Amino acid sequence: MGNKSNNLLLGALEMLILKALVTEDRHGWGIAKRLKQISNGTFSLNVGSLYPALYRLEKKGFVKSYEAISEKGREARFYKLLSKGRKQLDSQTANWRDFSAAVEAVLHSD
């Protein structure tokens, strides 16, 4: 598989996290819950993959974290999608669609 394909696969988690933040700021558990909900249970993220991805996204300037009180009345770290992150999401989404179309073409060939 080429480098572009590897990058698409490795960036899928980050793309999904960015997508979960489009409608509102969320804490880690809220992101995992949202992705599980919209994927009908297919994506069940664990903290071992979620939080390192969030730290990478923050380091890249795609999200910003801040402390706030959660819906359960506890202090939590929330993540906000930044404009740079929205642009990244749009770019990754386009690349993913191209990649998915290519995979579909191969799977449906004779």
N, C-alpha and C. Protein backbone atom coordinates (compact mmCIF):
# COMPACT_ATOMS: atom_id res chain seq x y z
N MET A 1 0.84 -1.18 0.00
CA MET A 1 0.00 0.00 0.00
C MET A 1 0.89 1.24 0.00
N GLY A 2 0.49 2.23 -0.75
CA GLY A 2 1.29 3.44 -0.84
C GLY A 2 1.21 4.29 0.41
N ASN A 3 2.11 5.26 0.48
CA ASN A 3 2.17 6.14 1.65
C ASN A 3 0.87 6.90 1.85
N LYS A 4 0.23 7.36 0.77
CA LYS A 4 -1.03 8.09 0.90
C LYS A 4 -2.10 7.19 1.52
N SER A 5 -2.15 5.93 1.12
CA SER A 5 -3.12 4.99 1.69
C SER A 5 -2.87 4.74 3.16
N ASN A 6 -1.61 4.58 3.52
CA ASN A 6 -1.27 4.38 4.94
C ASN A 6 -1.67 5.58 5.77
N ASN A 7 -1.43 6.77 5.25
CA ASN A 7 -1.80 7.99 5.98
C ASN A 7 -3.32 8.08 6.16
N LEU A 8 -4.07 7.65 5.15
CA LEU A 8 -5.53 7.67 5.26
C LEU A 8 -5.99 6.74 6.37
N LEU A 9 -5.43 5.55 6.42
CA LEU A 9 -5.83 4.59 7.45
C LEU A 9 -5.43 5.07 8.83
N LEU A 10 -4.22 5.59 8.95
CA LEU A 10 -3.74 6.05 10.25
C LEU A 10 -4.50 7.30 10.72
N GLY A 11 -4.96 8.12 9.79
CA GLY A 11 -5.66 9.34 10.15
C GLY A 11 -7.15 9.16 10.34
N ALA A 12 -7.66 7.95 10.13
CA ALA A 12 -9.11 7.73 10.24
C ALA A 12 -9.63 8.06 11.63
N LEU A 13 -8.93 7.66 12.66
CA LEU A 13 -9.37 7.94 14.03
C LEU A 13 -9.43 9.45 14.28
N GLU A 14 -8.40 10.16 13.85
CA GLU A 14 -8.40 11.61 14.04
C GLU A 14 -9.55 12.26 13.28
N MET A 15 -9.83 11.77 12.07
CA MET A 15 -10.94 12.31 11.29
C MET A 15 -12.27 12.08 12.01
N LEU A 16 -12.45 10.90 12.57
CA LEU A 16 -13.69 10.60 13.28
C LEU A 16 -13.85 11.47 14.53
N ILE A 17 -12.75 11.70 15.23
CA ILE A 17 -12.79 12.55 16.42
C ILE A 17 -13.16 13.98 16.03
N LEU A 18 -12.54 14.49 14.98
CA LEU A 18 -12.86 15.84 14.52
C LEU A 18 -14.33 15.93 14.15
N LYS A 19 -14.84 14.91 13.48
CA LYS A 19 -16.26 14.90 13.09
C LYS A 19 -17.16 14.94 14.32
N ALA A 20 -16.79 14.24 15.37
CA ALA A 20 -17.60 14.22 16.60
C ALA A 20 -17.66 15.58 17.27
N LEU A 21 -16.72 16.46 16.94
CA LEU A 21 -16.67 17.79 17.55
C LEU A 21 -17.31 18.88 16.70
N VAL A 22 -17.85 18.53 15.54
CA VAL A 22 -18.43 19.54 14.65
C VAL A 22 -19.62 20.24 15.29
N THR A 23 -20.49 19.50 15.94
CA THR A 23 -21.73 20.09 16.44
C THR A 23 -21.60 20.75 17.80
N GLU A 24 -20.66 20.27 18.62
CA GLU A 24 -20.48 20.87 19.95
C GLU A 24 -19.17 20.40 20.57
N ASP A 25 -18.70 21.17 21.55
CA ASP A 25 -17.53 20.78 22.32
C ASP A 25 -17.90 19.54 23.14
N ARG A 26 -16.95 18.64 23.30
CA ARG A 26 -17.22 17.42 24.07
C ARG A 26 -15.98 17.03 24.87
N HIS A 27 -16.22 16.32 25.96
CA HIS A 27 -15.10 15.73 26.71
C HIS A 27 -14.83 14.35 26.09
N GLY A 28 -13.75 13.72 26.51
CA GLY A 28 -13.34 12.45 25.92
C GLY A 28 -14.43 11.40 25.90
N TRP A 29 -15.08 11.20 27.05
CA TRP A 29 -16.15 10.21 27.12
C TRP A 29 -17.29 10.58 26.18
N GLY A 30 -17.59 11.88 26.06
CA GLY A 30 -18.63 12.34 25.17
C GLY A 30 -18.31 12.09 23.70
N ILE A 31 -17.03 12.22 23.35
CA ILE A 31 -16.59 11.93 21.98
C ILE A 31 -16.78 10.45 21.69
N ALA A 32 -16.30 9.61 22.61
CA ALA A 32 -16.44 8.16 22.42
C ALA A 32 -17.90 7.75 22.32
N LYS A 33 -18.73 8.33 23.18
CA LYS A 33 -20.17 8.02 23.18
C LYS A 33 -20.81 8.44 21.86
N ARG A 34 -20.47 9.63 21.37
CA ARG A 34 -21.04 10.13 20.12
C ARG A 34 -20.65 9.24 18.94
N LEU A 35 -19.38 8.85 18.86
CA LEU A 35 -18.94 8.01 17.76
C LEU A 35 -19.59 6.63 17.80
N LYS A 36 -19.76 6.11 19.00
CA LYS A 36 -20.43 4.82 19.14
C LYS A 36 -21.89 4.94 18.70
N GLN A 37 -22.52 6.05 19.09
CA GLN A 37 -23.92 6.29 18.74
C GLN A 37 -24.12 6.41 17.23
N ILE A 38 -23.35 7.27 16.58
CA ILE A 38 -23.58 7.50 15.15
C ILE A 38 -23.08 6.35 14.28
N SER A 39 -22.25 5.47 14.83
CA SER A 39 -21.78 4.31 14.06
C SER A 39 -22.57 3.05 14.42
N ASN A 40 -23.66 3.22 15.15
CA ASN A 40 -24.48 2.09 15.58
C ASN A 40 -23.66 1.02 16.31
N GLY A 41 -22.74 1.50 17.15
CA GLY A 41 -21.95 0.60 17.98
C GLY A 41 -20.69 0.06 17.36
N THR A 42 -20.42 0.38 16.11
CA THR A 42 -19.22 -0.13 15.44
C THR A 42 -17.95 0.44 16.04
N PHE A 43 -17.94 1.74 16.32
CA PHE A 43 -16.75 2.38 16.88
C PHE A 43 -16.90 2.49 18.38
N SER A 44 -16.15 1.67 19.08
CA SER A 44 -16.12 1.69 20.54
C SER A 44 -14.68 2.00 20.94
N LEU A 45 -14.40 3.28 21.16
CA LEU A 45 -13.03 3.72 21.42
C LEU A 45 -12.64 3.47 22.87
N ASN A 46 -11.39 3.08 23.05
CA ASN A 46 -10.87 2.96 24.41
C ASN A 46 -9.94 4.14 24.69
N VAL A 47 -9.69 4.38 25.96
CA VAL A 47 -8.88 5.54 26.35
C VAL A 47 -7.46 5.44 25.82
N GLY A 48 -6.99 4.23 25.59
CA GLY A 48 -5.63 4.02 25.09
C GLY A 48 -5.42 4.53 23.67
N SER A 49 -6.49 4.66 22.91
CA SER A 49 -6.38 5.22 21.56
C SER A 49 -6.98 6.62 21.47
N LEU A 50 -8.03 6.88 22.24
CA LEU A 50 -8.72 8.17 22.17
C LEU A 50 -7.85 9.33 22.66
N TYR A 51 -7.32 9.22 23.86
CA TYR A 51 -6.60 10.37 24.43
C TYR A 51 -5.29 10.68 23.72
N PRO A 52 -4.50 9.69 23.31
CA PRO A 52 -3.32 10.04 22.51
C PRO A 52 -3.69 10.77 21.21
N ALA A 53 -4.80 10.36 20.58
CA ALA A 53 -5.24 11.03 19.36
C ALA A 53 -5.67 12.47 19.66
N LEU A 54 -6.37 12.67 20.77
CA LEU A 54 -6.76 14.03 21.15
C LEU A 54 -5.54 14.91 21.42
N TYR A 55 -4.52 14.35 22.07
CA TYR A 55 -3.30 15.12 22.34
C TYR A 55 -2.61 15.50 21.03
N ARG A 56 -2.59 14.55 20.06
CA ARG A 56 -1.98 14.86 18.76
C ARG A 56 -2.76 15.96 18.05
N LEU A 57 -4.08 15.86 18.09
CA LEU A 57 -4.91 16.88 17.43
C LEU A 57 -4.71 18.26 18.06
N GLU A 58 -4.56 18.29 19.37
CA GLU A 58 -4.32 19.57 20.03
C GLU A 58 -2.94 20.11 19.67
N LYS A 59 -1.96 19.25 19.64
CA LYS A 59 -0.60 19.67 19.29
C LYS A 59 -0.53 20.23 17.87
N LYS A 60 -1.34 19.68 16.97
CA LYS A 60 -1.38 20.14 15.59
C LYS A 60 -2.21 21.42 15.42
N GLY A 61 -2.89 21.84 16.47
CA GLY A 61 -3.69 23.05 16.40
C GLY A 61 -5.08 22.84 15.80
N PHE A 62 -5.56 21.60 15.78
CA PHE A 62 -6.88 21.30 15.23
C PHE A 62 -7.98 21.41 16.27
N VAL A 63 -7.64 21.18 17.52
CA VAL A 63 -8.59 21.31 18.62
C VAL A 63 -7.92 22.06 19.76
N LYS A 64 -8.75 22.58 20.64
CA LYS A 64 -8.25 23.25 21.85
C LYS A 64 -8.99 22.64 23.03
N SER A 65 -8.26 22.36 24.09
CA SER A 65 -8.90 21.79 25.27
C SER A 65 -9.05 22.85 26.35
N TYR A 66 -10.04 22.64 27.20
CA TYR A 66 -10.28 23.53 28.33
C TYR A 66 -11.03 22.76 29.40
N GLU A 67 -10.93 23.23 30.63
CA GLU A 67 -11.61 22.61 31.76
C GLU A 67 -13.00 23.21 31.91
N ALA A 68 -13.99 22.36 32.17
CA ALA A 68 -15.36 22.82 32.40
C ALA A 68 -16.10 21.75 33.19
N ILE A 69 -17.27 22.06 33.62
CA ILE A 69 -18.09 21.13 34.38
C ILE A 69 -18.95 20.31 33.41
N SER A 70 -18.90 19.01 33.55
CA SER A 70 -19.67 18.12 32.67
C SER A 70 -21.13 18.10 33.07
N GLU A 71 -21.93 17.43 32.25
CA GLU A 71 -23.36 17.30 32.52
C GLU A 71 -23.64 16.53 33.81
N LYS A 72 -22.64 15.81 34.30
CA LYS A 72 -22.79 15.07 35.56
C LYS A 72 -22.24 15.86 36.75
N GLY A 73 -21.88 17.13 36.52
CA GLY A 73 -21.41 18.00 37.59
C GLY A 73 -19.96 17.80 37.99
N ARG A 74 -19.21 17.12 37.15
CA ARG A 74 -17.78 16.89 37.44
C ARG A 74 -16.92 17.73 36.52
N GLU A 75 -15.74 18.08 37.03
CA GLU A 75 -14.79 18.81 36.20
C GLU A 75 -14.25 17.84 35.14
N ALA A 76 -14.19 18.32 33.91
CA ALA A 76 -13.72 17.49 32.80
C ALA A 76 -12.97 18.36 31.81
N ARG A 77 -12.14 17.71 30.99
CA ARG A 77 -11.44 18.40 29.92
C ARG A 77 -12.28 18.27 28.65
N PHE A 78 -12.71 19.41 28.14
CA PHE A 78 -13.50 19.46 26.92
C PHE A 78 -12.59 19.82 25.75
N TYR A 79 -13.03 19.43 24.56
CA TYR A 79 -12.28 19.70 23.34
C TYR A 79 -13.16 20.47 22.38
N LYS A 80 -12.59 21.51 21.79
CA LYS A 80 -13.30 22.40 20.85
C LYS A 80 -12.62 22.30 19.50
N LEU A 81 -13.41 22.12 18.45
CA LEU A 81 -12.88 22.09 17.09
C LEU A 81 -12.52 23.50 16.66
N LEU A 82 -11.31 23.71 16.21
CA LEU A 82 -10.85 25.02 15.72
C LEU A 82 -11.00 25.08 14.21
N SER A 83 -10.92 26.27 13.65
CA SER A 83 -11.09 26.42 12.20
C SER A 83 -10.05 25.62 11.42
N LYS A 84 -8.85 25.56 11.92
CA LYS A 84 -7.81 24.75 11.28
C LYS A 84 -8.20 23.27 11.30
N GLY A 85 -8.83 22.85 12.37
CA GLY A 85 -9.31 21.47 12.47
C GLY A 85 -10.45 21.20 11.52
N ARG A 86 -11.33 22.17 11.33
CA ARG A 86 -12.44 22.02 10.39
C ARG A 86 -11.92 21.87 8.96
N LYS A 87 -10.90 22.66 8.62
CA LYS A 87 -10.30 22.54 7.29
C LYS A 87 -9.65 21.17 7.13
N GLN A 88 -8.99 20.70 8.18
CA GLN A 88 -8.37 19.38 8.14
C GLN A 88 -9.43 18.28 7.97
N LEU A 89 -10.52 18.42 8.69
CA LEU A 89 -11.63 17.46 8.57
C LEU A 89 -12.16 17.44 7.14
N ASP A 90 -12.37 18.59 6.55
CA ASP A 90 -12.86 18.65 5.17
C ASP A 90 -11.89 17.98 4.21
N SER A 91 -10.61 18.23 4.38
CA SER A 91 -9.59 17.63 3.53
C SER A 91 -9.53 16.10 3.72
N GLN A 92 -9.51 15.67 4.97
CA GLN A 92 -9.46 14.23 5.25
C GLN A 92 -10.71 13.52 4.75
N THR A 93 -11.86 14.17 4.87
CA THR A 93 -13.11 13.58 4.40
C THR A 93 -13.06 13.37 2.89
N ALA A 94 -12.58 14.36 2.15
CA ALA A 94 -12.46 14.24 0.70
C ALA A 94 -11.50 13.11 0.33
N ASN A 95 -10.37 13.06 1.00
CA ASN A 95 -9.39 12.00 0.74
C ASN A 95 -9.96 10.63 1.06
N TRP A 96 -10.68 10.54 2.17
CA TRP A 96 -11.28 9.25 2.57
C TRP A 96 -12.31 8.80 1.55
N ARG A 97 -13.11 9.72 1.05
CA ARG A 97 -14.12 9.36 0.04
C ARG A 97 -13.46 8.85 -1.24
N ASP A 98 -12.37 9.49 -1.65
CA ASP A 98 -11.64 9.03 -2.83
C ASP A 98 -11.07 7.63 -2.59
N PHE A 99 -10.49 7.43 -1.42
CA PHE A 99 -9.92 6.14 -1.06
C PHE A 99 -11.00 5.06 -1.02
N SER A 100 -12.12 5.37 -0.38
CA SER A 100 -13.23 4.41 -0.28
C SER A 100 -13.78 4.05 -1.66
N ALA A 101 -13.87 5.03 -2.54
CA ALA A 101 -14.35 4.78 -3.90
C ALA A 101 -13.40 3.85 -4.64
N ALA A 102 -12.11 4.05 -4.44
CA ALA A 102 -11.13 3.17 -5.09
C ALA A 102 -11.21 1.75 -4.56
N VAL A 103 -11.39 1.60 -3.26
CA VAL A 103 -11.55 0.26 -2.66
C VAL A 103 -12.82 -0.40 -3.21
N GLU A 104 -13.90 0.34 -3.27
CA GLU A 104 -15.16 -0.20 -3.82
C GLU A 104 -15.00 -0.63 -5.26
N ALA A 105 -14.29 0.18 -6.04
CA ALA A 105 -14.06 -0.17 -7.45
C ALA A 105 -13.32 -1.51 -7.56
N VAL A 106 -12.32 -1.71 -6.72
CA VAL A 106 -11.56 -2.96 -6.74
C VAL A 106 -12.45 -4.11 -6.30
N LEU A 107 -13.23 -3.93 -5.23
CA LEU A 107 -14.07 -5.00 -4.72
C LEU A 107 -15.17 -5.41 -5.70
N HIS A 108 -15.63 -4.48 -6.51
CA HIS A 108 -16.70 -4.77 -7.46
C HIS A 108 -16.19 -5.12 -8.85
N SER A 109 -14.89 -5.25 -8.99
CA SER A 109 -14.34 -5.63 -10.31
C SER A 109 -14.34 -7.14 -10.46
N ASP A 110 -14.23 -7.57 -11.69
CA ASP A 110 -14.19 -9.02 -11.95
C ASP A 110 -12.79 -9.54 -11.93
